[in-house]
Structure formats: structure tokens, C-alpha cells
Amino acid sequence: MKKFILFLFVFSITIAAQSLPTSGKSYTIKYDPSEKNIFNTSSRLTLVYTFDYWGTKVAAIHGAEKLFENVLSPDEGRISKVPMTLKGSLFEANIFISDSAQLLSYYFADGNNFDYNDKKTYISYIYGQSGKPVKGARFRNIDFLVMSGADNRMCIEEIENELKDYPDYHLARYVLWNKKYENEKDFNGLLSLRDDFEKEFAELKIRYPNDYELLNSEGKGYYAFQMALNNTMMPYYRSASEKILEIAKQIPEGKRASIIQRVYESDLQQKKSIEFNEGIVGKPSINFEFKSIKGEQKKLIDFKGKVVLLDFWGTWCGPCVGEIPNLVNAYEKFKEKGFEIISISSDLMMQTKTEEEFKSFTQEKNMSWTHVLDDKNKTIHTLYNIAHWPTLYLLDQNGTIIKNEKVLRGAELEKTLNEVFGMN
């Protein structure tokens, strides 16, 4: 028997609520205490649960991870608790869930013990009356598994079980093959998986002719294979690069073939950038003049008296874009305390966006701080020896560099700023 079973009672209830959907359904959560022997039939169990919505302002600003955090580690005010009733050998509790809710987490407690899944809450699905997942919420369970530390093998098993129930959910097939490729580190193993992938999709296209979702999933599956292949081959790329550098050092400058010289110069620049990044902490920042995208002519020294984050980035850079929600949160929280961000973009010098396209991008992402498009001569990037993105430096009120990106990315940024502003 499953650890818990989610049943749908086919009736709707309307409740009054502010700014939240007002209609929903009642669900029954069942729990079998014999599964783990944490509780027994004499236990007084409570169902503890919370849920959240897609399409909210939180989702738009902070992204999906914030919603996952909301249900995995909810604030006390967002948690509901319902006493469970023993019926036969199973405990049961009814809960009301709004129609628009798509993320649900819950666990079981008796006041002393908790039944978690590896210290994380169980994540369940929400089903519609047809028995199918509400707006695809079922497959978002895979994201929960990943965030709670589940390995690829567990994710693969979960999706395979889901596909037995819903064989036409082709999106899940792409996720399945993506996880299979991620789980395989051997080159020949990847080729064997690709053969299995091609065979499966050839059969599926006969069963589901002209199914564009299936074709999109097939295309994404090939892309996942390509990425896995790149990752598997990376050690060989590095080894070849090191051999090129060894050979280059034996050849006098001017005698090296152009491609060998480029690899050699790139390696030197990377090493120089790393040394600069490590050695600049504790030293005065390098002043520079700039014209912001708002047309303001300024210098870095104009910001003395503020704590300044220098952010070297580009819209073409995936990790850079991934940091935007952290920057938005930090700016909103600390700007009134004298915090400023100066983002120096590489987009113009790399010709990845025009100035107008760049302005639109920053507006869409609510990036309301100071922005600079470095010129084609890489003037500001050269001053700071930038060779990778994002690169971040934190300056104190005197313009001294006090931190580098080791403590300025992800959740570390807010922790560092709390420390700098004495808010711990």
C-alpha cells in the first residue's frame, strides 16, 4: 500500500477569501502507520500541510524556487493542521484545497515524532475531476524531488511510474530521458541510451502521429543528450587543452600557429583574472567613468559613502540571469540603508543586445539600479581583468573592496549584506 493516497471528492465548495481563488475541492489524505512503524494505531496523528499557487506575483518576481521554498519550508502562518481519524487500519483527514493551488506539501506528526521523507515533507500532486493532474502539476513533483535531495535514480523511477498511468504525457518523457542522461557518466553508456531513446520515440511516433508535444519532447531529448555528451567529454577537452599549452610553451612566440597562440593567450588571461580576483580583496577599488543607460555621466568615486556591489554580467550568461532574483531581493531590502548596485554589462561589447533591447530586458526583470553597457574596447572589464561572468565585488563606504563573488552569489549575498549592515 502506498504511504499516502490522495482521493478526490467530487464536489466544490465556495469560500470567501481576499486576493485568492474562492472555489476549491475537498480531498482525503490517508496514512498507513504500518509502512514505517513510526506511529501505531493508538497514535494521535495530525496532518500538517501547506500549498501555494503558480501565476502569483511571488512566482513572477522570485521564480519557481521561491514557491518550492514556500511549501518545503513554510512560514508558521501559512501552515494548516488537521487532526486525523483512525478508520480501520488507516488514518484519514479531509482538507480543502483551492482550485488554483498547484503545489502541496504535507507530513504527519503526533507531537513527538514526525514522518518526513528524509527530513523533508512529502510532496503530493493535486488531481482534477478527470483524474489528470491540474495544469501539469503532477510532473512538477520531479522538481520537488530534486530540491529535497533525491538522486537521479529516484527521479527516474518516479517518472517511469507516472508514465504507466499517463503514457501520453510526453513532457514527462523528456524529463525522464534528461535524468537518464544525467545519471550516465560513461561515453559508451550514453551512446547506448541514445539508441534506446531513438527506438522508443520511433515507436511513439507511430502511436501518436502528428503529435507536436511528442515531437517537441523528442527534440528536447536530443538536446539533453547533447548536453550530457558535452559534460562527459569535458575532462577530455581539458586534457587536450593542457597538452596544447605544454606544446605552446616549447614554441617561441611568433612561431606558434594562430590557434595555439589563441589557446595560450586565453589561458594566460584566465590565470591573470583568477589572481586578480583573489588578490584585490582589501584593496581600493579602481575608479572609472561611465554613462548609465539613463544617460547619467558618473564616476565610481561618486558612490563613496554607500556600500556598492559591482556586478559584471551579461544577458547571454545563464548563471548571471539566474542571479537576478537574488539581486532584486537584495536591492529592495538594503537600498534604504545605503546599498547600491552598479551592473556592468558585456552585451554591447559582445554584440548580444542593442542598447534598447538591453533597457527593455532590465525593465522586464525589475532591475531598477544603475546599469552600464561597457564599450566595444572592454574598458571597464579590462580594468578589473574580467574573464568570466558573473564576477562580483562588494565595496565598503570608502570604496575598498571587501568581498568577492565567493560570498556574493545565491543566498550568500543576503547573508553577507546582513553582516555588513549589522543586521544579524
Protein backbone atom coordinates (compact mmCIF):
# COMPACT_ATOMS: atom_id res chain seq x y z
CA MET A 1 0.00 0.00 0.00
CA LYS A 2 1.24 3.50 -0.74
CA LYS A 3 2.40 5.66 2.16
CA PHE A 4 -0.40 8.03 1.43
CA ILE A 5 -3.26 8.19 -1.04
CA LEU A 6 -4.92 11.31 -2.31
CA PHE A 7 -8.60 10.91 -3.19
CA LEU A 8 -10.86 13.50 -4.75
CA PHE A 9 -14.40 14.02 -3.52
CA VAL A 10 -16.37 15.28 -6.49
CA PHE A 11 -17.90 18.40 -5.06
CA SER A 12 -16.98 22.06 -4.99
CA ILE A 13 -17.07 24.50 -2.13
CA THR A 14 -17.04 28.27 -2.28
CA ILE A 15 -15.33 30.28 0.45
CA ALA A 16 -14.65 33.97 0.92
CA ALA A 17 -11.02 34.99 0.56
CA GLN A 18 -9.13 38.12 -0.31
CA SER A 19 -6.97 38.10 -3.47
CA LEU A 20 -7.04 34.26 -3.61
CA PRO A 21 -9.25 31.94 -5.68
CA THR A 22 -12.53 31.29 -3.88
CA SER A 23 -13.53 27.85 -5.19
CA GLY A 24 -11.97 24.52 -4.45
CA LYS A 25 -12.50 20.90 -3.55
CA SER A 26 -12.21 18.60 -0.59
CA TYR A 27 -9.53 15.91 -0.58
CA THR A 28 -8.90 13.00 1.76
CA ILE A 29 -5.36 12.23 2.85
CA LYS A 30 -4.84 8.67 4.07
CA TYR A 31 -1.87 7.36 6.02
CA ASP A 32 -0.82 3.77 6.71
CA PRO A 33 1.14 3.64 10.02
CA SER A 34 2.44 0.14 9.27
CA GLU A 35 4.63 1.41 6.43
CA LYS A 36 7.44 2.75 8.64
CA ASN A 37 6.36 1.89 12.18
CA ILE A 38 6.96 5.48 13.31
CA PHE A 39 3.38 5.59 14.58
CA ASN A 40 0.86 2.94 15.53
CA THR A 41 -2.93 2.76 15.57
CA SER A 42 -3.06 4.25 19.09
CA SER A 43 -1.16 7.40 17.99
CA ARG A 44 -2.97 10.75 17.92
CA LEU A 45 -1.94 11.95 14.48
CA THR A 46 -2.14 15.44 13.00
CA LEU A 47 -1.86 16.21 9.30
CA VAL A 48 0.31 19.32 8.76
CA TYR A 49 0.06 20.85 5.29
CA THR A 50 0.53 23.95 3.16
CA PHE A 51 0.06 24.83 -0.51
CA ASP A 52 0.88 27.57 -3.00
CA TYR A 53 -0.02 28.88 -6.45
CA TRP A 54 1.59 29.41 -9.82
CA GLY A 55 0.94 32.68 -11.59
CA THR A 56 1.27 34.84 -8.47
CA LYS A 57 3.41 37.95 -8.04
CA VAL A 58 5.80 35.88 -5.92
CA ALA A 59 6.26 33.44 -8.81
CA ALA A 60 6.76 36.25 -11.33
CA ILE A 61 9.38 38.07 -9.25
CA HIS A 62 11.17 35.28 -7.43
CA GLY A 63 10.64 32.32 -9.75
CA ALA A 64 9.62 28.74 -9.10
CA GLU A 65 12.25 28.10 -6.43
CA LYS A 66 10.56 30.56 -4.07
CA LEU A 67 7.30 28.65 -4.42
CA PHE A 68 9.09 25.39 -3.70
CA GLU A 69 10.61 27.04 -0.63
CA ASN A 70 7.16 28.22 0.45
CA VAL A 71 5.82 24.69 0.60
CA LEU A 72 9.00 22.93 1.72
CA SER A 73 9.82 25.42 4.49
CA PRO A 74 6.66 27.47 5.01
CA ASP A 75 6.19 30.31 7.47
CA GLU A 76 4.20 29.29 10.54
CA GLY A 77 1.26 31.45 9.47
CA ARG A 78 0.89 29.51 6.22
CA ILE A 79 0.69 26.07 7.84
CA SER A 80 -2.62 24.28 8.45
CA LYS A 81 -3.08 21.44 10.94
CA VAL A 82 -5.93 18.92 10.91
CA PRO A 83 -6.49 16.06 13.42
CA MET A 84 -6.57 12.65 11.72
CA THR A 85 -9.16 9.96 12.42
CA LEU A 86 -8.39 6.24 12.51
CA LYS A 87 -10.66 4.30 10.16
CA GLY A 88 -9.81 0.63 10.16
CA SER A 89 -6.03 0.40 9.82
CA LEU A 90 -5.62 3.81 8.13
CA PHE A 91 -5.61 7.37 9.44
CA GLU A 92 -7.64 9.89 7.42
CA ALA A 93 -8.12 13.66 7.28
CA ASN A 94 -10.12 15.87 4.92
CA ILE A 95 -8.58 19.10 3.62
CA PHE A 96 -9.92 21.86 1.39
CA ILE A 97 -7.66 22.98 -1.45
CA SER A 98 -8.36 25.95 -3.71
CA ASP A 99 -8.81 25.16 -7.42
CA SER A 100 -5.77 27.22 -8.39
CA ALA A 101 -3.39 25.63 -5.90
CA GLN A 102 -0.79 23.51 -7.64
CA LEU A 103 1.93 22.87 -5.08
CA LEU A 104 1.06 20.89 -1.98
CA SER A 105 3.27 19.53 0.79
CA TYR A 106 2.31 17.69 3.92
CA TYR A 107 3.61 15.45 6.69
CA PHE A 108 2.30 13.60 9.73
CA ALA A 109 3.01 14.28 13.41
CA ASP A 110 1.89 13.08 16.85
CA GLY A 111 3.51 15.83 18.93
CA ASN A 112 6.74 13.92 19.47
CA ASN A 113 7.52 12.21 16.18
CA PHE A 114 7.31 13.30 12.56
CA ASP A 115 7.06 11.21 9.44
CA TYR A 116 9.14 13.04 6.86
CA ASN A 117 10.79 11.73 3.74
CA ASP A 118 14.49 12.06 4.63
CA LYS A 119 13.63 15.02 6.87
CA LYS A 120 11.69 16.70 4.05
CA THR A 121 7.94 16.95 3.72
CA TYR A 122 6.15 14.63 1.38
CA ILE A 123 5.21 16.34 -1.82
CA SER A 124 2.00 15.20 -3.42
CA TYR A 125 0.00 16.00 -6.51
CA ILE A 126 -3.34 17.70 -6.95
CA TYR A 127 -5.76 15.96 -9.30
CA GLY A 128 -8.73 17.31 -11.19
CA GLN A 129 -12.10 15.56 -11.52
CA SER A 130 -10.92 13.78 -14.67
CA GLY A 131 -8.19 12.11 -12.64
CA LYS A 132 -5.49 14.01 -14.52
CA PRO A 133 -3.08 16.44 -12.87
CA VAL A 134 -4.21 20.03 -12.53
CA LYS A 135 -2.31 22.13 -15.10
CA GLY A 136 0.53 19.62 -15.23
CA ALA A 137 1.22 19.91 -11.50
CA ARG A 138 1.91 16.19 -11.30
CA PHE A 139 5.22 16.43 -13.10
CA ARG A 140 6.38 19.38 -11.04
CA ASN A 141 6.78 16.76 -8.35
CA ILE A 142 10.10 15.92 -10.01
CA ASP A 143 11.35 19.42 -9.18
CA PHE A 144 10.41 18.81 -5.56
CA LEU A 145 12.29 15.53 -5.55
CA VAL A 146 15.40 17.25 -6.87
CA MET A 147 15.16 20.11 -4.38
CA SER A 148 14.74 17.71 -1.47
CA GLY A 149 17.96 15.94 -2.41
CA ALA A 150 16.59 12.96 -4.34
CA ASP A 151 19.12 11.39 -6.68
CA ASN A 152 18.55 10.86 -10.39
CA ARG A 153 17.67 7.21 -9.90
CA MET A 154 14.76 8.10 -7.60
CA CYS A 155 13.52 10.70 -10.09
CA ILE A 156 13.74 8.19 -12.93
CA GLU A 157 11.69 5.63 -11.00
CA GLU A 158 9.09 8.28 -10.13
CA ILE A 159 8.60 9.35 -13.75
CA GLU A 160 8.50 5.78 -15.03
CA ASN A 161 5.69 5.04 -12.57
CA GLU A 162 3.79 8.14 -13.70
CA LEU A 163 4.11 7.21 -17.37
CA LYS A 164 2.45 3.87 -16.66
CA ASP A 165 -0.65 5.84 -15.63
CA TYR A 166 -0.32 8.62 -18.22
CA PRO A 167 1.51 7.30 -21.31
CA ASP A 168 0.53 10.33 -23.38
CA TYR A 169 2.24 12.85 -21.07
CA HIS A 170 5.16 13.38 -23.44
CA LEU A 171 6.65 16.22 -21.41
CA ALA A 172 7.44 13.64 -18.74
CA ARG A 173 9.31 11.55 -21.32
CA TYR A 174 11.72 14.40 -21.97
CA VAL A 175 12.29 14.83 -18.22
CA LEU A 176 12.80 11.07 -17.91
CA TRP A 177 15.47 10.93 -20.62
CA ASN A 178 17.12 14.08 -19.31
CA LYS A 179 17.52 12.36 -15.92
CA LYS A 180 18.75 9.15 -17.54
CA TYR A 181 21.40 11.05 -19.47
CA GLU A 182 22.45 12.98 -16.34
CA ASN A 183 22.78 9.69 -14.48
CA GLU A 184 25.12 8.19 -17.10
CA LYS A 185 28.76 9.31 -16.92
CA ASP A 186 30.26 6.84 -19.41
CA PHE A 187 30.59 7.77 -23.08
CA ASN A 188 29.58 4.34 -24.41
CA GLY A 189 26.74 4.21 -21.90
CA LEU A 190 25.42 7.50 -23.28
CA LEU A 191 25.52 6.16 -26.84
CA SER A 192 23.59 3.08 -25.73
CA LEU A 193 20.98 5.28 -24.02
CA ARG A 194 20.63 7.37 -27.15
CA ASP A 195 19.91 4.22 -29.17
CA ASP A 196 17.19 3.25 -26.68
CA PHE A 197 15.80 6.79 -26.84
CA GLU A 198 15.61 6.73 -30.65
CA LYS A 199 13.91 3.33 -30.64
CA GLU A 200 11.31 4.45 -28.09
CA PHE A 201 10.44 7.66 -29.93
CA ALA A 202 10.23 5.87 -33.28
CA GLU A 203 7.56 3.61 -31.77
CA LEU A 204 5.79 6.52 -30.06
CA LYS A 205 5.53 8.48 -33.32
CA ILE A 206 3.65 5.56 -34.85
CA ARG A 207 1.23 5.50 -31.88
CA TYR A 208 0.88 9.31 -31.73
CA PRO A 209 1.15 10.62 -35.32
CA ASN A 210 1.32 14.41 -35.80
CA ASP A 211 1.62 14.95 -32.04
CA TYR A 212 3.61 18.18 -31.71
CA GLU A 213 4.12 17.78 -27.97
CA LEU A 214 5.76 14.43 -28.68
CA LEU A 215 7.98 15.97 -31.36
CA ASN A 216 8.98 18.81 -29.04
CA SER A 217 9.84 16.28 -26.35
CA GLU A 218 11.93 14.33 -28.85
CA GLY A 219 13.83 17.48 -29.79
CA LYS A 220 14.41 18.35 -26.14
CA GLY A 221 15.59 14.78 -25.55
CA TYR A 222 18.26 15.16 -28.23
CA TYR A 223 19.31 18.44 -26.64
CA ALA A 224 19.58 16.72 -23.23
CA PHE A 225 21.79 14.06 -24.85
CA GLN A 226 23.97 16.77 -26.37
CA MET A 227 24.45 18.49 -23.00
CA ALA A 228 25.24 15.19 -21.26
CA LEU A 229 27.72 14.34 -24.01
CA ASN A 230 29.44 17.71 -23.57
CA ASN A 231 29.72 17.17 -19.81
CA THR A 232 31.06 13.64 -20.28
CA MET A 233 33.66 14.83 -22.78
CA MET A 234 34.74 17.86 -20.72
CA PRO A 235 37.66 16.06 -18.98
CA TYR A 236 39.00 15.11 -22.43
CA TYR A 237 38.66 18.72 -23.61
CA ARG A 238 40.60 19.91 -20.57
CA SER A 239 43.27 17.28 -21.10
CA ALA A 240 43.68 18.32 -24.74
CA SER A 241 43.85 21.99 -23.74
CA GLU A 242 46.59 21.25 -21.21
CA LYS A 243 48.58 19.39 -23.87
CA ILE A 244 48.24 22.38 -26.23
CA LEU A 245 49.59 24.67 -23.50
CA GLU A 246 52.54 22.36 -22.84
CA ILE A 247 53.39 22.38 -26.54
CA ALA A 248 52.86 26.16 -26.84
CA LYS A 249 55.41 26.83 -24.10
CA GLN A 250 58.04 24.97 -26.14
CA ILE A 251 57.46 27.16 -29.20
CA PRO A 252 58.81 30.74 -29.28
CA GLU A 253 56.18 33.47 -29.62
CA GLY A 254 55.79 34.32 -33.29
CA LYS A 255 56.42 30.72 -34.29
CA ARG A 256 53.18 29.38 -32.82
CA ALA A 257 50.26 28.55 -35.07
CA SER A 258 47.46 31.09 -34.60
CA ILE A 259 45.04 28.65 -32.96
CA ILE A 260 47.73 27.53 -30.48
CA GLN A 261 48.51 31.17 -29.69
CA ARG A 262 44.81 31.88 -29.01
CA VAL A 263 44.55 28.97 -26.56
CA TYR A 264 47.77 30.13 -24.89
CA GLU A 265 46.59 33.74 -24.53
CA SER A 266 43.17 32.65 -23.25
CA ASP A 267 44.81 30.52 -20.57
CA LEU A 268 47.04 33.41 -19.50
CA GLN A 269 44.02 35.72 -19.26
CA GLN A 270 42.09 33.21 -17.14
CA LYS A 271 45.01 32.81 -14.72
CA LYS A 272 45.53 36.56 -14.54
CA SER A 273 41.83 37.08 -13.81
CA ILE A 274 41.82 34.47 -11.02
CA GLU A 275 44.92 36.01 -9.39
CA PHE A 276 43.40 39.48 -9.64
CA ASN A 277 40.09 38.30 -8.16
CA GLU A 278 41.80 36.65 -5.20
CA GLY A 279 44.26 39.46 -4.54
CA ILE A 280 42.03 42.52 -4.83
CA VAL A 281 40.03 41.95 -1.63
CA GLY A 282 41.16 44.51 0.94
CA LYS A 283 42.46 46.92 -1.70
CA PRO A 284 40.94 50.19 -3.00
CA SER A 285 38.59 49.79 -5.95
CA ILE A 286 39.70 51.06 -9.35
CA ASN A 287 37.84 54.22 -10.30
CA PHE A 288 36.20 54.52 -13.71
CA GLU A 289 33.91 56.93 -15.52
CA PHE A 290 30.72 55.71 -17.13
CA LYS A 291 27.48 56.75 -18.73
CA SER A 292 24.48 54.87 -17.35
CA ILE A 293 21.69 53.60 -19.60
CA LYS A 294 19.64 56.54 -18.26
CA GLY A 295 22.20 58.92 -19.77
CA GLU A 296 23.80 59.94 -16.45
CA GLN A 297 27.53 60.69 -16.58
CA LYS A 298 29.16 59.40 -13.38
CA LYS A 299 32.30 58.04 -11.73
CA LEU A 300 32.63 55.16 -9.31
CA ILE A 301 34.02 57.53 -6.64
CA ASP A 302 30.69 59.42 -6.76
CA PHE A 303 29.23 56.49 -4.80
CA LYS A 304 31.53 56.88 -1.80
CA GLY A 305 29.50 56.72 1.39
CA LYS A 306 27.47 53.79 0.04
CA VAL A 307 28.04 50.05 0.07
CA VAL A 308 28.35 49.20 -3.63
CA LEU A 309 28.05 45.89 -5.44
CA LEU A 310 29.95 45.82 -8.75
CA ASP A 311 28.24 43.23 -10.93
CA PHE A 312 29.97 42.20 -14.19
CA TRP A 313 27.46 40.20 -16.20
CA GLY A 314 25.58 39.74 -19.49
CA THR A 315 22.08 38.77 -20.55
CA TRP A 316 23.65 35.96 -22.63
CA CYS A 317 25.10 34.40 -19.46
CA GLY A 318 22.78 31.79 -17.87
CA PRO A 319 24.33 31.93 -14.36
CA CYS A 320 24.18 35.76 -14.49
CA VAL A 321 20.48 35.75 -15.32
CA GLY A 322 19.97 33.17 -12.59
CA GLU A 323 21.34 35.66 -10.05
CA ILE A 324 18.83 38.40 -10.97
CA PRO A 325 16.18 37.40 -8.37
CA ASN A 326 18.85 37.50 -5.64
CA LEU A 327 19.97 40.96 -6.77
CA VAL A 328 16.39 42.26 -6.92
CA ASN A 329 15.69 40.97 -3.40
CA ALA A 330 18.92 42.42 -2.00
CA TYR A 331 18.40 45.81 -3.62
CA GLU A 332 14.84 46.12 -2.32
CA LYS A 333 15.88 45.09 1.19
CA PHE A 334 19.03 47.20 1.59
CA LYS A 335 18.74 50.23 -0.72
CA GLU A 336 17.30 52.42 2.03
CA LYS A 337 20.32 51.54 4.18
CA GLY A 338 22.79 52.92 1.63
CA PHE A 339 23.22 49.96 -0.71
CA GLU A 340 23.74 50.44 -4.45
CA ILE A 341 24.34 48.05 -7.34
CA ILE A 342 26.32 49.01 -10.43
CA SER A 343 25.80 46.34 -13.07
CA ILE A 344 28.37 46.46 -15.87
CA SER A 345 27.05 44.54 -18.85
CA SER A 346 29.12 42.88 -21.57
CA ASP A 347 26.18 42.80 -24.01
CA LEU A 348 27.25 45.75 -26.16
CA MET A 349 30.89 44.70 -26.43
CA MET A 350 29.82 41.14 -27.34
CA GLN A 351 27.04 42.41 -29.62
CA THR A 352 24.40 40.21 -27.96
CA LYS A 353 21.89 43.03 -27.41
CA THR A 354 21.36 46.56 -28.62
CA GLU A 355 21.06 49.33 -26.05
CA GLU A 356 17.27 49.45 -26.46
CA GLU A 357 16.95 45.67 -26.14
CA PHE A 358 19.09 45.79 -23.02
CA LYS A 359 16.96 48.54 -21.47
CA SER A 360 13.80 46.52 -22.13
CA PHE A 361 15.37 43.44 -20.52
CA THR A 362 16.30 45.27 -17.30
CA GLN A 363 12.84 46.84 -17.08
CA GLU A 364 11.10 43.47 -17.52
CA LYS A 365 13.24 41.99 -14.74
CA ASN A 366 12.62 44.91 -12.32
CA MET A 367 16.34 45.73 -12.21
CA SER A 368 15.93 49.31 -11.03
CA TRP A 369 19.52 50.09 -10.05
CA THR A 370 22.45 51.61 -12.01
CA HIS A 371 23.35 49.92 -15.30
CA VAL A 372 26.33 50.43 -17.59
CA LEU A 373 26.93 48.96 -21.04
CA ASP A 374 30.70 48.54 -21.35
CA ASP A 375 32.05 49.68 -24.72
CA LYS A 376 33.50 47.54 -27.50
CA ASN A 377 37.01 48.23 -26.18
CA LYS A 378 36.06 46.45 -22.93
CA THR A 379 37.29 49.46 -20.98
CA ILE A 380 35.83 48.66 -17.55
CA HIS A 381 36.20 44.89 -17.96
CA THR A 382 39.90 45.36 -18.72
CA LEU A 383 40.43 47.49 -15.59
CA TYR A 384 39.13 44.62 -13.45
CA ASN A 385 40.66 41.77 -15.52
CA ILE A 386 37.26 40.17 -16.11
CA ALA A 387 37.47 36.80 -17.85
CA HIS A 388 34.37 35.06 -16.51
CA TRP A 389 30.80 36.05 -15.72
CA PRO A 390 29.29 36.80 -13.34
CA THR A 391 32.10 38.48 -11.41
CA LEU A 392 31.04 40.44 -8.33
CA TYR A 393 32.85 42.72 -5.88
CA LEU A 394 31.44 44.41 -2.79
CA LEU A 395 32.83 47.84 -1.86
CA ASP A 396 32.51 49.46 1.55
CA GLN A 397 31.60 53.13 2.11
CA ASN A 398 35.23 54.14 1.48
CA GLY A 399 35.45 52.33 -1.85
CA THR A 400 37.56 49.45 -0.54
CA ILE A 401 36.81 46.02 -1.99
CA ILE A 402 35.77 43.87 0.98
CA LYS A 403 34.25 40.78 -0.67
CA ASN A 404 34.38 38.86 -3.95
CA GLU A 405 31.79 36.56 -5.51
CA LYS A 406 32.57 33.64 -3.19
CA VAL A 407 30.10 35.19 -0.73
CA LEU A 408 28.03 37.29 -3.14
CA ARG A 409 26.03 34.72 -5.10
CA GLY A 410 22.77 32.96 -4.30
CA ALA A 411 21.59 33.10 -0.69
CA GLU A 412 25.11 34.14 0.39
CA LEU A 413 24.53 37.68 -0.92
CA GLU A 414 21.80 38.49 1.60
CA LYS A 415 23.79 36.86 4.42
CA THR A 416 26.84 38.95 3.55
CA LEU A 417 24.83 42.18 3.38
CA ASN A 418 23.15 41.40 6.71
CA GLU A 419 26.63 41.11 8.17
CA VAL A 420 27.90 44.31 6.52
CA PHE A 421 24.89 46.33 7.69
CA GLY A 422 24.92 44.76 11.17
CA MET A 423 21.55 43.06 10.80
CA ASN A 424 22.50 39.59 12.08
